[in-house]
């Protein structure tokens, strides 16, 4: 089981944590939502929760709850710029389908 960040994603996360003035890493998860069934949840972690699974990639700690991990195991998080748009992109090997906007997926 593993989650990883590209160098671009790690740099963006570190820069954001520095600008926030607090944070110990990135929290990733999923929730039931969207037209395909599941949606990614991402926020900055300020503390460790008891049930957290903790990974480290590119010097950034990634915190995931066990229920979400089964859906995002093996995912690589990238930070991309396409034209005028920029943001995080989840490269999830478990995804069977996703909606056209890329906001939701199913496994």
Protein backbone atom coordinates (compact mmCIF):
# COMPACT_ATOMS: atom_id res chain seq x y z
CA UNK A 1 0.00 0.00 0.00
CA UNK A 2 1.35 3.38 -0.93
CA UNK A 3 0.49 6.89 -2.01
CA UNK A 4 2.92 9.24 -3.69
CA UNK A 5 3.41 12.82 -4.82
CA UNK A 6 5.23 14.03 -7.89
CA UNK A 7 7.95 16.58 -7.33
CA UNK A 8 5.65 19.37 -8.59
CA UNK A 9 2.87 18.34 -6.19
CA UNK A 10 5.26 18.09 -3.24
CA UNK A 11 6.71 21.53 -3.98
CA UNK A 12 3.21 23.05 -4.15
CA UNK A 13 2.15 21.37 -0.89
CA UNK A 14 5.31 22.51 0.91
CA UNK A 15 4.89 26.06 -0.36
CA UNK A 16 1.26 26.14 0.78
CA UNK A 17 2.09 24.76 4.24
CA UNK A 18 4.81 27.39 4.59
CA UNK A 19 2.40 30.15 3.54
CA UNK A 20 -0.26 28.85 5.98
CA UNK A 21 2.26 29.00 8.81
CA UNK A 22 1.19 25.60 10.12
CA UNK A 23 0.59 22.02 9.01
CA UNK A 24 2.23 18.63 9.24
CA UNK A 25 1.27 17.28 5.83
CA UNK A 26 -1.56 16.48 3.47
CA UNK A 27 -4.75 14.55 4.28
CA UNK A 28 -6.31 12.57 1.41
CA UNK A 29 -9.57 10.66 1.37
CA UNK A 30 -12.76 9.94 -0.52
CA UNK A 31 -16.43 10.60 0.05
CA UNK A 32 -19.60 9.44 -1.66
CA UNK A 33 -20.46 12.15 -4.14
CA UNK A 34 -20.62 13.22 -7.75
CA UNK A 35 -22.07 11.57 -10.80
CA UNK A 36 -19.65 8.60 -10.74
CA UNK A 37 -20.02 7.69 -7.07
CA UNK A 38 -16.85 8.79 -5.23
CA UNK A 39 -15.04 12.13 -4.95
CA UNK A 40 -11.58 12.92 -3.68
CA UNK A 41 -11.15 14.91 -0.49
CA UNK A 42 -7.92 16.79 0.14
CA UNK A 43 -6.98 19.12 2.99
CA UNK A 44 -3.94 20.13 4.93
CA UNK A 45 -3.35 18.15 8.10
CA UNK A 46 -2.58 19.96 11.33
CA UNK A 47 -2.66 16.88 13.57
CA UNK A 48 -2.50 13.09 13.37
CA UNK A 49 -5.78 11.24 13.90
CA UNK A 50 -5.62 7.94 15.76
CA UNK A 51 -6.77 5.85 12.77
CA UNK A 52 -4.53 7.56 10.19
CA UNK A 53 -2.35 5.54 7.86
CA UNK A 54 0.76 7.64 7.26
CA UNK A 55 2.87 7.66 4.10
CA UNK A 56 5.76 9.88 3.11
CA UNK A 57 6.64 10.97 -0.41
CA UNK A 58 9.08 13.64 -1.58
CA UNK A 59 9.48 14.72 2.07
CA UNK A 60 5.71 15.30 2.56
CA UNK A 61 3.64 13.25 5.00
CA UNK A 62 0.34 11.97 3.60
CA UNK A 63 -2.43 10.99 6.04
CA UNK A 64 -5.27 8.68 4.95
CA UNK A 65 -8.10 7.03 6.87
CA UNK A 66 -8.29 3.23 6.40
CA UNK A 67 -11.74 3.33 4.71
CA UNK A 68 -10.47 5.70 2.01
CA UNK A 69 -7.21 3.85 1.49
CA UNK A 70 -8.86 0.89 -0.23
CA UNK A 71 -10.10 3.26 -2.97
CA UNK A 72 -6.93 5.33 -3.44
CA UNK A 73 -4.13 2.84 -2.75
CA UNK A 74 -1.40 3.30 -5.36
CA UNK A 75 -2.53 6.82 -6.29
CA UNK A 76 0.01 9.40 -7.41
CA UNK A 77 -0.91 13.03 -6.82
CA UNK A 78 0.43 15.48 -9.39
CA UNK A 79 0.16 19.26 -9.74
CA UNK A 80 -0.50 20.28 -13.32
CA UNK A 81 -0.97 23.43 -15.36
CA UNK A 82 -3.05 23.23 -18.51
CA UNK A 83 -3.55 26.56 -20.23
CA UNK A 84 -4.98 28.97 -17.68
CA UNK A 85 -5.99 26.18 -15.29
CA UNK A 86 -3.83 24.61 -12.60
CA UNK A 87 -4.48 22.18 -9.80
CA UNK A 88 -3.98 18.74 -8.35
CA UNK A 89 -4.55 15.68 -10.49
CA UNK A 90 -5.15 12.23 -8.99
CA UNK A 91 -3.57 9.40 -10.99
CA UNK A 92 -5.48 6.50 -9.42
CA UNK A 93 -4.83 3.00 -10.84
CA UNK A 94 -8.05 1.73 -9.21
CA UNK A 95 -10.38 4.02 -11.18
CA UNK A 96 -12.64 2.19 -13.61
CA UNK A 97 -14.71 5.23 -14.70
CA UNK A 98 -14.72 8.94 -14.00
CA UNK A 99 -17.08 11.75 -14.86
CA UNK A 100 -16.32 14.19 -17.65
CA UNK A 101 -15.32 16.98 -15.27
CA UNK A 102 -12.89 14.72 -13.39
CA UNK A 103 -14.46 15.46 -10.00
CA UNK A 104 -15.75 11.95 -9.29
CA UNK A 105 -14.85 8.34 -10.03
CA UNK A 106 -15.77 4.75 -9.30
CA UNK A 107 -13.74 1.60 -8.70
